Amino acid sequence: MSPPSLPWLSGNTHMLRHTHATELIRQGVPIEVVARLLTHRSSTTTSQTYVHLDVADVRAELARCGVWADSQAAR
């Protein structure tokens, strides 16, 4: 019997680690904690290789800190 087909997992399942790391950071989990969860020796590996933030993430964090106006964050 062959394993069930999971079309949403097509490609590399290792990408789930990258997605998980990015989502944890977006939720405010400290990079050191994310690194430990991924069993990395260094948080540098986690931040430089596994976390994929975009411009919207940066703007949202700046708005949260009060450095970026909310009207600018929506762009």
C-alpha atoms as a PDB file:
ATOM      1  CA  MET A   1       0.000   0.000   0.000  1.00  0.00           C
ATOM      2  CA  SER A   2       1.412   3.396  -0.959  1.00  0.00           C
ATOM      3  CA  PRO A   3       1.203   6.430   1.321  1.00  0.00           C
ATOM      4  CA  PRO A   4      -1.675   8.855   0.746  1.00  0.00           C
ATOM      5  CA  SER A   5      -1.104  11.676  -1.704  1.00  0.00           C
ATOM      6  CA  LEU A   6      -0.860  15.103  -0.102  1.00  0.00           C
ATOM      7  CA  PRO A   7      -0.935  17.626  -2.977  1.00  0.00           C
ATOM      8  CA  TRP A   8      -0.484  20.589  -0.620  1.00  0.00           C
ATOM      9  CA  LEU A   9       2.854  19.063   0.385  1.00  0.00           C
ATOM     10  CA  SER A  10       4.162  18.855  -3.143  1.00  0.00           C
ATOM     11  CA  GLY A  11       7.787  19.790  -3.311  1.00  0.00           C
ATOM     12  CA  ASN A  12      10.043  19.988  -0.331  1.00  0.00           C
ATOM     13  CA  THR A  13       8.570  19.368   3.135  1.00  0.00           C
ATOM     14  CA  HIS A  14      11.619  21.136   4.570  1.00  0.00           C
ATOM     15  CA  MET A  15       9.904  24.370   3.501  1.00  0.00           C
ATOM     16  CA  LEU A  16       7.475  23.794   6.385  1.00  0.00           C
ATOM     17  CA  ARG A  17      10.363  24.543   8.787  1.00  0.00           C
ATOM     18  CA  HIS A  18      10.917  27.872   7.041  1.00  0.00           C
ATOM     19  CA  THR A  19       7.204  28.684   7.141  1.00  0.00           C
ATOM     20  CA  HIS A  20       6.953  27.705  10.807  1.00  0.00           C
ATOM     21  CA  ALA A  21       9.960  29.862  11.741  1.00  0.00           C
ATOM     22  CA  THR A  22       8.571  32.857   9.853  1.00  0.00           C
ATOM     23  CA  GLU A  23       5.131  32.519  11.432  1.00  0.00           C
ATOM     24  CA  LEU A  24       6.605  32.218  14.934  1.00  0.00           C
ATOM     25  CA  ILE A  25       8.590  35.427  14.418  1.00  0.00           C
ATOM     26  CA  ARG A  26       5.461  37.169  13.076  1.00  0.00           C
ATOM     27  CA  GLN A  27       3.659  36.149  16.265  1.00  0.00           C
ATOM     28  CA  GLY A  28       6.372  37.755  18.387  1.00  0.00           C
ATOM     29  CA  VAL A  29       8.303  34.684  19.508  1.00  0.00           C
ATOM     30  CA  PRO A  30      11.928  35.692  20.204  1.00  0.00           C
ATOM     31  CA  ILE A  31      14.461  34.501  17.624  1.00  0.00           C
ATOM     32  CA  GLU A  32      16.383  32.617  20.338  1.00  0.00           C
ATOM     33  CA  VAL A  33      13.285  30.560  21.146  1.00  0.00           C
ATOM     34  CA  VAL A  34      12.609  29.851  17.469  1.00  0.00           C
ATOM     35  CA  ALA A  35      16.237  28.732  17.069  1.00  0.00           C
ATOM     36  CA  ARG A  36      15.884  26.324  19.989  1.00  0.00           C
ATOM     37  CA  LEU A  37      12.634  24.913  18.599  1.00  0.00           C
ATOM     38  CA  LEU A  38      14.372  24.267  15.280  1.00  0.00           C
ATOM     39  CA  THR A  39      17.370  22.797  17.165  1.00  0.00           C
ATOM     40  CA  HIS A  40      19.806  25.335  15.728  1.00  0.00           C
ATOM     41  CA  ARG A  41      23.023  26.046  17.604  1.00  0.00           C
ATOM     42  CA  SER A  42      22.900  29.688  16.607  1.00  0.00           C
ATOM     43  CA  SER A  43      20.013  32.123  16.268  1.00  0.00           C
ATOM     44  CA  THR A  44      21.987  33.626  13.367  1.00  0.00           C
ATOM     45  CA  THR A  45      21.301  30.493  11.320  1.00  0.00           C
ATOM     46  CA  THR A  46      17.609  30.831  12.085  1.00  0.00           C
ATOM     47  CA  SER A  47      17.342  34.528  11.287  1.00  0.00           C
ATOM     48  CA  GLN A  48      19.468  34.484   8.140  1.00  0.00           C
ATOM     49  CA  THR A  49      18.275  31.209   6.627  1.00  0.00           C
ATOM     50  CA  TYR A  50      14.861  30.251   7.983  1.00  0.00           C
ATOM     51  CA  VAL A  51      12.972  33.497   8.573  1.00  0.00           C
ATOM     52  CA  HIS A  52      11.489  35.118   5.464  1.00  0.00           C
ATOM     53  CA  LEU A  53       9.891  38.434   6.369  1.00  0.00           C
ATOM     54  CA  ASP A  54       8.648  40.870   3.761  1.00  0.00           C
ATOM     55  CA  VAL A  55       8.143  44.643   3.638  1.00  0.00           C
ATOM     56  CA  ALA A  56       4.641  44.339   5.111  1.00  0.00           C
ATOM     57  CA  ASP A  57       6.094  42.560   8.168  1.00  0.00           C
ATOM     58  CA  VAL A  58       8.613  45.345   8.731  1.00  0.00           C
ATOM     59  CA  ARG A  59       5.972  48.052   8.321  1.00  0.00           C
ATOM     60  CA  ALA A  60       3.612  46.280  10.730  1.00  0.00           C
ATOM     61  CA  GLU A  61       6.335  46.068  13.385  1.00  0.00           C
ATOM     62  CA  LEU A  62       7.259  49.733  12.913  1.00  0.00           C
ATOM     63  CA  ALA A  63       3.572  50.678  13.265  1.00  0.00           C
ATOM     64  CA  ARG A  64       3.305  48.538  16.414  1.00  0.00           C
ATOM     65  CA  CYS A  65       6.274  50.422  17.895  1.00  0.00           C
ATOM     66  CA  GLY A  66       4.743  53.767  16.955  1.00  0.00           C
ATOM     67  CA  VAL A  67       7.464  54.727  14.484  1.00  0.00           C
ATOM     68  CA  TRP A  68       5.322  54.276  11.379  1.00  0.00           C
ATOM     69  CA  ALA A  69       1.863  55.797  10.951  1.00  0.00           C
ATOM     70  CA  ASP A  70      -0.916  53.236  10.505  1.00  0.00           C
ATOM     71  CA  SER A  71      -1.947  54.918   7.237  1.00  0.00           C
ATOM     72  CA  GLN A  72       1.556  54.252   5.912  1.00  0.00           C
ATOM     73  CA  ALA A  73       1.460  50.620   7.078  1.00  0.00           C
ATOM     74  CA  ALA A  74      -1.566  49.897   4.877  1.00  0.00           C
ATOM     75  CA  ARG A  75       0.325  50.729   1.665  1.00  0.00           C
END
